[in-house]
Amino acid sequence: MPKVLQPEPVTIDPHYSPQFYAELWGTSPSTVVRWFQDLEGVLKLNRPARNGKRSRVELRIPFSLAMKVYREHTQGAIE
């Protein structure tokens, strides 16, 4: 009888908005956007342009990446 392999558990990393992290860390949402806008793993959700307005891109940042970047930006700030 062939050996049956058990599936690996799937880890789901929750994604949150820049506003969420700004409130959590006491910073502005624009600071959070600046920190994460060009990083791999950040979801960029495009909203189409309407009525002549420019299109809008919303970010959703994975929690594990956010904690890593936050530690990098605050390391040494409390010393």
PDB file of N, CA and C in Angstrom:
ATOM      1  N   MET A   1       0.847  -1.182   0.000  1.00  0.00           N
ATOM      2  CA  MET A   1       0.000   0.000   0.000  1.00  0.00           C
ATOM      3  C   MET A   1       0.893   1.245   0.000  1.00  0.00           C
ATOM      4  N   PRO A   2       0.632   2.241  -0.892  1.00  0.00           N
ATOM      5  CA  PRO A   2       1.475   3.444  -0.941  1.00  0.00           C
ATOM      6  C   PRO A   2       1.267   4.312   0.305  1.00  0.00           C
ATOM      7  N   LYS A   3       2.344   4.971   0.673  1.00  0.00           N
ATOM      8  CA  LYS A   3       2.287   5.858   1.833  1.00  0.00           C
ATOM      9  C   LYS A   3       1.491   7.126   1.480  1.00  0.00           C
ATOM     10  N   VAL A   4       0.566   7.505   2.348  1.00  0.00           N
ATOM     11  CA  VAL A   4      -0.251   8.695   2.131  1.00  0.00           C
ATOM     12  C   VAL A   4       0.426   9.876   2.820  1.00  0.00           C
ATOM     13  N   LEU A   5       0.688  10.915   2.061  1.00  0.00           N
ATOM     14  CA  LEU A   5       1.314  12.109   2.615  1.00  0.00           C
ATOM     15  C   LEU A   5       0.247  13.041   3.174  1.00  0.00           C
ATOM     16  N   GLN A   6       0.504  13.553   4.348  1.00  0.00           N
ATOM     17  CA  GLN A   6      -0.404  14.521   4.957  1.00  0.00           C
ATOM     18  C   GLN A   6      -0.123  15.905   4.366  1.00  0.00           C
ATOM     19  N   PRO A   7      -1.148  16.675   4.079  1.00  0.00           N
ATOM     20  CA  PRO A   7      -0.913  18.027   3.529  1.00  0.00           C
ATOM     21  C   PRO A   7      -0.269  18.932   4.572  1.00  0.00           C
ATOM     22  N   GLU A   8       0.547  19.842   4.099  1.00  0.00           N
ATOM     23  CA  GLU A   8       1.171  20.833   4.973  1.00  0.00           C
ATOM     24  C   GLU A   8       0.118  21.860   5.378  1.00  0.00           C
ATOM     25  N   PRO A   9       0.156  22.325   6.620  1.00  0.00           N
ATOM     26  CA  PRO A   9      -0.807  23.362   7.013  1.00  0.00           C
ATOM     27  C   PRO A   9      -0.539  24.666   6.258  1.00  0.00           C
ATOM     28  N   VAL A  10      -1.599  25.364   5.937  1.00  0.00           N
ATOM     29  CA  VAL A  10      -1.488  26.627   5.222  1.00  0.00           C
ATOM     30  C   VAL A  10      -1.495  27.761   6.240  1.00  0.00           C
ATOM     31  N   THR A  11      -0.472  28.608   6.160  1.00  0.00           N
ATOM     32  CA  THR A  11      -0.403  29.764   7.040  1.00  0.00           C
ATOM     33  C   THR A  11      -0.969  30.969   6.292  1.00  0.00           C
ATOM     34  N   ILE A  12      -1.943  31.602   6.886  1.00  0.00           N
ATOM     35  CA  ILE A  12      -2.544  32.784   6.263  1.00  0.00           C
ATOM     36  C   ILE A  12      -2.101  34.002   7.066  1.00  0.00           C
ATOM     37  N   ASP A  13      -1.412  34.898   6.404  1.00  0.00           N
ATOM     38  CA  ASP A  13      -0.908  36.111   7.038  1.00  0.00           C
ATOM     39  C   ASP A  13      -1.928  37.220   6.797  1.00  0.00           C
ATOM     40  N   PRO A  14      -2.570  37.722   7.844  1.00  0.00           N
ATOM     41  CA  PRO A  14      -3.567  38.777   7.625  1.00  0.00           C
ATOM     42  C   PRO A  14      -2.918  40.045   7.083  1.00  0.00           C
ATOM     43  N   HIS A  15      -3.645  40.740   6.228  1.00  0.00           N
ATOM     44  CA  HIS A  15      -3.193  41.989   5.619  1.00  0.00           C
ATOM     45  C   HIS A  15      -4.045  43.135   6.156  1.00  0.00           C
ATOM     46  N   TYR A  16      -3.386  44.260   6.466  1.00  0.00           N
ATOM     47  CA  TYR A  16      -4.092  45.415   7.015  1.00  0.00           C
ATOM     48  C   TYR A  16      -3.727  46.672   6.253  1.00  0.00           C
ATOM     49  N   SER A  17      -4.530  47.702   6.412  1.00  0.00           N
ATOM     50  CA  SER A  17      -4.334  48.971   5.712  1.00  0.00           C
ATOM     51  C   SER A  17      -3.251  49.812   6.393  1.00  0.00           C
ATOM     52  N   PRO A  18      -2.700  50.781   5.671  1.00  0.00           N
ATOM     53  CA  PRO A  18      -1.748  51.711   6.294  1.00  0.00           C
ATOM     54  C   PRO A  18      -2.374  52.456   7.477  1.00  0.00           C
ATOM     55  N   GLN A  19      -3.659  52.768   7.402  1.00  0.00           N
ATOM     56  CA  GLN A  19      -4.342  53.450   8.499  1.00  0.00           C
ATOM     57  C   GLN A  19      -4.291  52.609   9.775  1.00  0.00           C
ATOM     58  N   PHE A  20      -4.477  51.307   9.653  1.00  0.00           N
ATOM     59  CA  PHE A  20      -4.418  50.406  10.808  1.00  0.00           C
ATOM     60  C   PHE A  20      -3.053  50.504  11.494  1.00  0.00           C
ATOM     61  N   TYR A  21      -1.987  50.394  10.696  1.00  0.00           N
ATOM     62  CA  TYR A  21      -0.637  50.443  11.276  1.00  0.00           C
ATOM     63  C   TYR A  21      -0.310  51.830  11.815  1.00  0.00           C
ATOM     64  N   ALA A  22      -0.793  52.883  11.157  1.00  0.00           N
ATOM     65  CA  ALA A  22      -0.548  54.242  11.639  1.00  0.00           C
ATOM     66  C   ALA A  22      -1.146  54.423  13.035  1.00  0.00           C
ATOM     67  N   GLU A  23      -2.350  53.926  13.240  1.00  0.00           N
ATOM     68  CA  GLU A  23      -2.981  54.021  14.563  1.00  0.00           C
ATOM     69  C   GLU A  23      -2.261  53.149  15.577  1.00  0.00           C
ATOM     70  N   LEU A  24      -1.841  51.966  15.158  1.00  0.00           N
ATOM     71  CA  LEU A  24      -1.135  51.042  16.044  1.00  0.00           C
ATOM     72  C   LEU A  24       0.197  51.623  16.514  1.00  0.00           C
ATOM     73  N   TRP A  25       0.922  52.261  15.606  1.00  0.00           N
ATOM     74  CA  TRP A  25       2.269  52.742  15.904  1.00  0.00           C
ATOM     75  C   TRP A  25       2.333  54.225  16.254  1.00  0.00           C
ATOM     76  N   GLY A  26       1.233  54.946  16.153  1.00  0.00           N
ATOM     77  CA  GLY A  26       1.245  56.370  16.456  1.00  0.00           C
ATOM     78  C   GLY A  26       1.972  57.192  15.413  1.00  0.00           C
ATOM     79  N   THR A  27       1.861  56.801  14.151  1.00  0.00           N
ATOM     80  CA  THR A  27       2.480  57.539  13.053  1.00  0.00           C
ATOM     81  C   THR A  27       1.375  57.987  12.093  1.00  0.00           C
ATOM     82  N   SER A  28       1.760  58.657  11.033  1.00  0.00           N
ATOM     83  CA  SER A  28       0.771  59.067  10.036  1.00  0.00           C
ATOM     84  C   SER A  28       0.632  57.971   8.980  1.00  0.00           C
ATOM     85  N   PRO A  29      -0.548  57.880   8.360  1.00  0.00           N
ATOM     86  CA  PRO A  29      -0.709  56.902   7.280  1.00  0.00           C
ATOM     87  C   PRO A  29       0.268  57.133   6.127  1.00  0.00           C
ATOM     88  N   SER A  30       0.626  58.384   5.860  1.00  0.00           N
ATOM     89  CA  SER A  30       1.569  58.653   4.764  1.00  0.00           C
ATOM     90  C   SER A  30       2.955  58.096   5.080  1.00  0.00           C
ATOM     91  N   THR A  31       3.341  58.093   6.353  1.00  0.00           N
ATOM     92  CA  THR A  31       4.619  57.486   6.736  1.00  0.00           C
ATOM     93  C   THR A  31       4.591  55.994   6.477  1.00  0.00           C
ATOM     94  N   VAL A  32       3.496  55.354   6.862  1.00  0.00           N
ATOM     95  CA  VAL A  32       3.360  53.911   6.643  1.00  0.00           C
ATOM     96  C   VAL A  32       3.393  53.597   5.145  1.00  0.00           C
ATOM     97  N   VAL A  33       2.689  54.370   4.341  1.00  0.00           N
ATOM     98  CA  VAL A  33       2.695  54.169   2.887  1.00  0.00           C
ATOM     99  C   VAL A  33       4.109  54.300   2.350  1.00  0.00           C
ATOM    100  N   ARG A  34       4.836  55.319   2.790  1.00  0.00           N
ATOM    101  CA  ARG A  34       6.209  55.534   2.333  1.00  0.00           C
ATOM    102  C   ARG A  34       7.101  54.337   2.665  1.00  0.00           C
ATOM    103  N   TRP A  35       6.936  53.776   3.869  1.00  0.00           N
ATOM    104  CA  TRP A  35       7.755  52.633   4.284  1.00  0.00           C
ATOM    105  C   TRP A  35       7.486  51.391   3.437  1.00  0.00           C
ATOM    106  N   PHE A  36       6.252  51.207   2.967  1.00  0.00           N
ATOM    107  CA  PHE A  36       5.853  49.931   2.375  1.00  0.00           C
ATOM    108  C   PHE A  36       5.530  49.952   0.891  1.00  0.00           C
ATOM    109  N   GLN A  37       5.397  51.107   0.274  1.00  0.00           N
ATOM    110  CA  GLN A  37       4.872  51.174  -1.089  1.00  0.00           C
ATOM    111  C   GLN A  37       5.678  50.388  -2.118  1.00  0.00           C
ATOM    112  N   ASP A  38       6.970  50.226  -1.910  1.00  0.00           N
ATOM    113  CA  ASP A  38       7.796  49.545  -2.905  1.00  0.00           C
ATOM    114  C   ASP A  38       8.273  48.164  -2.462  1.00  0.00           C
ATOM    115  N   LEU A  39       7.740  47.643  -1.362  1.00  0.00           N
ATOM    116  CA  LEU A  39       8.201  46.356  -0.851  1.00  0.00           C
ATOM    117  C   LEU A  39       7.437  45.189  -1.465  1.00  0.00           C
ATOM    118  N   GLU A  40       8.167  44.101  -1.687  1.00  0.00           N
ATOM    119  CA  GLU A  40       7.559  42.883  -2.198  1.00  0.00           C
ATOM    120  C   GLU A  40       6.666  42.267  -1.121  1.00  0.00           C
ATOM    121  N   GLY A  41       5.519  41.774  -1.521  1.00  0.00           N
ATOM    122  CA  GLY A  41       4.594  41.154  -0.590  1.00  0.00           C
ATOM    123  C   GLY A  41       3.429  42.049  -0.205  1.00  0.00           C
ATOM    124  N   VAL A  42       3.535  43.334  -0.503  1.00  0.00           N
ATOM    125  CA  VAL A  42       2.459  44.275  -0.208  1.00  0.00           C
ATOM    126  C   VAL A  42       1.450  44.225  -1.353  1.00  0.00           C
ATOM    127  N   LEU A  43       0.187  44.051  -1.014  1.00  0.00           N
ATOM    128  CA  LEU A  43      -0.857  44.035  -2.039  1.00  0.00           C
ATOM    129  C   LEU A  43      -1.207  45.463  -2.429  1.00  0.00           C
ATOM    130  N   LYS A  44      -1.301  45.683  -3.741  1.00  0.00           N
ATOM    131  CA  LYS A  44      -1.679  47.000  -4.260  1.00  0.00           C
ATOM    132  C   LYS A  44      -3.022  46.840  -4.968  1.00  0.00           C
ATOM    133  N   LEU A  45      -4.048  47.461  -4.408  1.00  0.00           N
ATOM    134  CA  LEU A  45      -5.390  47.364  -4.956  1.00  0.00           C
ATOM    135  C   LEU A  45      -5.698  48.644  -5.723  1.00  0.00           C
ATOM    136  N   ASN A  46      -5.930  48.518  -7.012  1.00  0.00           N
ATOM    137  CA  ASN A  46      -6.199  49.683  -7.859  1.00  0.00           C
ATOM    138  C   ASN A  46      -7.682  49.986  -7.898  1.00  0.00           C
ATOM    139  N   ARG A  47      -8.008  51.241  -7.713  1.00  0.00           N
ATOM    140  CA  ARG A  47      -9.385  51.717  -7.889  1.00  0.00           C
ATOM    141  C   ARG A  47      -9.390  52.526  -9.170  1.00  0.00           C
ATOM    142  N   PRO A  48     -10.292  52.223 -10.096  1.00  0.00           N
ATOM    143  CA  PRO A  48     -10.305  52.953 -11.370  1.00  0.00           C
ATOM    144  C   PRO A  48     -10.670  54.428 -11.182  1.00  0.00           C
ATOM    145  N   ALA A  49     -10.182  55.231 -12.102  1.00  0.00           N
ATOM    146  CA  ALA A  49     -10.471  56.668 -12.078  1.00  0.00           C
ATOM    147  C   ALA A  49     -11.937  56.890 -12.444  1.00  0.00           C
ATOM    148  N   ARG A  50     -12.543  57.887 -11.774  1.00  0.00           N
ATOM    149  CA  ARG A  50     -13.937  58.226 -12.069  1.00  0.00           C
ATOM    150  C   ARG A  50     -14.085  59.738 -12.151  1.00  0.00           C
ATOM    151  N   ASN A  51     -14.913  60.172 -13.046  1.00  0.00           N
ATOM    152  CA  ASN A  51     -15.249  61.598 -13.192  1.00  0.00           C
ATOM    153  C   ASN A  51     -14.014  62.493 -13.313  1.00  0.00           C
ATOM    154  N   GLY A  52     -13.031  62.039 -14.069  1.00  0.00           N
ATOM    155  CA  GLY A  52     -11.845  62.853 -14.296  1.00  0.00           C
ATOM    156  C   GLY A  52     -10.847  62.864 -13.154  1.00  0.00           C
ATOM    157  N   LYS A  53     -11.136  62.143 -12.082  1.00  0.00           N
ATOM    158  CA  LYS A  53     -10.192  62.093 -10.963  1.00  0.00           C
ATOM    159  C   LYS A  53      -9.133  61.037 -11.241  1.00  0.00           C
ATOM    160  N   ARG A  54      -8.001  61.168 -10.595  1.00  0.00           N
ATOM    161  CA  ARG A  54      -6.933  60.191 -10.802  1.00  0.00           C
ATOM    162  C   ARG A  54      -7.288  58.863 -10.139  1.00  0.00           C
ATOM    163  N   SER A  55      -6.685  57.793 -10.662  1.00  0.00           N
ATOM    164  CA  SER A  55      -6.938  56.477 -10.080  1.00  0.00           C
ATOM    165  C   SER A  55      -6.247  56.405  -8.719  1.00  0.00           C
ATOM    166  N   ARG A  56      -6.714  55.502  -7.904  1.00  0.00           N
ATOM    167  CA  ARG A  56      -6.225  55.407  -6.544  1.00  0.00           C
ATOM    168  C   ARG A  56      -5.695  54.007  -6.278  1.00  0.00           C
ATOM    169  N   VAL A  57      -4.572  53.904  -5.578  1.00  0.00           N
ATOM    170  CA  VAL A  57      -3.995  52.619  -5.219  1.00  0.00           C
ATOM    171  C   VAL A  57      -4.043  52.498  -3.698  1.00  0.00           C
ATOM    172  N   GLU A  58      -4.676  51.441  -3.222  1.00  0.00           N
ATOM    173  CA  GLU A  58      -4.724  51.178  -1.790  1.00  0.00           C
ATOM    174  C   GLU A  58      -3.773  50.040  -1.475  1.00  0.00           C
ATOM    175  N   LEU A  59      -3.065  50.155  -0.357  1.00  0.00           N
ATOM    176  CA  LEU A  59      -2.133  49.117   0.060  1.00  0.00           C
ATOM    177  C   LEU A  59      -2.759  48.238   1.129  1.00  0.00           C
ATOM    178  N   ARG A  60      -2.417  46.958   1.109  1.00  0.00           N
ATOM    179  CA  ARG A  60      -2.732  46.026   2.180  1.00  0.00           C
ATOM    180  C   ARG A  60      -1.421  45.342   2.533  1.00  0.00           C
ATOM    181  N   ILE A  61      -1.010  45.504   3.775  1.00  0.00           N
ATOM    182  CA  ILE A  61       0.322  45.100   4.215  1.00  0.00           C
ATOM    183  C   ILE A  61       0.221  43.856   5.098  1.00  0.00           C
ATOM    184  N   PRO A  62       0.975  42.783   4.754  1.00  0.00           N
ATOM    185  CA  PRO A  62       0.934  41.581   5.587  1.00  0.00           C
ATOM    186  C   PRO A  62       1.518  41.860   6.973  1.00  0.00           C
ATOM    187  N   PHE A  63       0.888  41.309   7.993  1.00  0.00           N
ATOM    188  CA  PHE A  63       1.270  41.576   9.373  1.00  0.00           C
ATOM    189  C   PHE A  63       2.724  41.204   9.654  1.00  0.00           C
ATOM    190  N   SER A  64       3.178  40.048   9.165  1.00  0.00           N
ATOM    191  CA  SER A  64       4.555  39.618   9.449  1.00  0.00           C
ATOM    192  C   SER A  64       5.570  40.585   8.834  1.00  0.00           C
ATOM    193  N   LEU A  65       5.317  41.070   7.628  1.00  0.00           N
ATOM    194  CA  LEU A  65       6.203  42.045   6.993  1.00  0.00           C
ATOM    195  C   LEU A  65       6.172  43.358   7.754  1.00  0.00           C
ATOM    196  N   ALA A  66       4.995  43.765   8.189  1.00  0.00           N
ATOM    197  CA  ALA A  66       4.861  45.025   8.927  1.00  0.00           C
ATOM    198  C   ALA A  66       5.688  45.001  10.208  1.00  0.00           C
ATOM    199  N   MET A  67       5.639  43.904  10.938  1.00  0.00           N
ATOM    200  CA  MET A  67       6.399  43.817  12.192  1.00  0.00           C
ATOM    201  C   MET A  67       7.901  43.849  11.928  1.00  0.00           C
ATOM    202  N   LYS A  68       8.338  43.209  10.859  1.00  0.00           N
ATOM    203  CA  LYS A  68       9.767  43.205  10.503  1.00  0.00           C
ATOM    204  C   LYS A  68      10.235  44.621  10.156  1.00  0.00           C
ATOM    205  N   VAL A  69       9.483  45.310   9.308  1.00  0.00           N
ATOM    206  CA  VAL A  69       9.861  46.664   8.885  1.00  0.00           C
ATOM    207  C   VAL A  69       9.793  47.628  10.066  1.00  0.00           C
ATOM    208  N   TYR A  70       8.787  47.480  10.910  1.00  0.00           N
ATOM    209  CA  TYR A  70       8.665  48.352  12.083  1.00  0.00           C
ATOM    210  C   TYR A  70       9.887  48.202  12.997  1.00  0.00           C
ATOM    211  N   ARG A  71      10.307  46.973  13.232  1.00  0.00           N
ATOM    212  CA  ARG A  71      11.516  46.758  14.059  1.00  0.00           C
ATOM    213  C   ARG A  71      12.736  47.409  13.423  1.00  0.00           C
ATOM    214  N   GLU A  72      12.859  47.316  12.103  1.00  0.00           N
ATOM    215  CA  GLU A  72      14.001  47.946  11.413  1.00  0.00           C
ATOM    216  C   GLU A  72      13.985  49.459  11.581  1.00  0.00           C
ATOM    217  N   HIS A  73      12.805  50.058  11.515  1.00  0.00           N
ATOM    218  CA  HIS A  73      12.694  51.522  11.620  1.00  0.00           C
ATOM    219  C   HIS A  73      12.799  52.036  13.047  1.00  0.00           C
ATOM    220  N   THR A  74      12.514  51.199  14.006  1.00  0.00           N
ATOM    221  CA  THR A  74      12.530  51.669  15.398  1.00  0.00           C
ATOM    222  C   THR A  74      13.710  51.124  16.191  1.00  0.00           C
ATOM    223  N   GLN A  75      14.501  50.271  15.607  1.00  0.00           N
ATOM    224  CA  GLN A  75      15.659  49.709  16.291  1.00  0.00           C
ATOM    225  C   GLN A  75      16.607  50.829  16.674  1.00  0.00           C
ATOM    226  N   GLY A  76      16.917  50.913  17.946  1.00  0.00           N
ATOM    227  CA  GLY A  76      17.810  51.956  18.426  1.00  0.00           C
ATOM    228  C   GLY A  76      17.100  53.228  18.820  1.00  0.00           C
ATOM    229  N   ALA A  77      15.803  53.333  18.512  1.00  0.00           N
ATOM    230  CA  ALA A  77      15.072  54.554  18.852  1.00  0.00           C
ATOM    231  C   ALA A  77      14.761  54.648  20.340  1.00  0.00           C
ATOM    232  N   ILE A  78      14.792  53.508  21.051  1.00  0.00           N
ATOM    233  CA  ILE A  78      14.415  53.496  22.476  1.00  0.00           C
ATOM    234  C   ILE A  78      15.644  53.392  23.369  1.00  0.00           C
ATOM    235  N   GLU A  79      16.802  53.352  22.805  1.00  0.00           N
ATOM    236  CA  GLU A  79      18.018  53.194  23.603  1.00  0.00           C
ATOM    237  C   GLU A  79      18.363  54.427  24.391  1.00  0.00           C
TER     238      GLU A  79
END
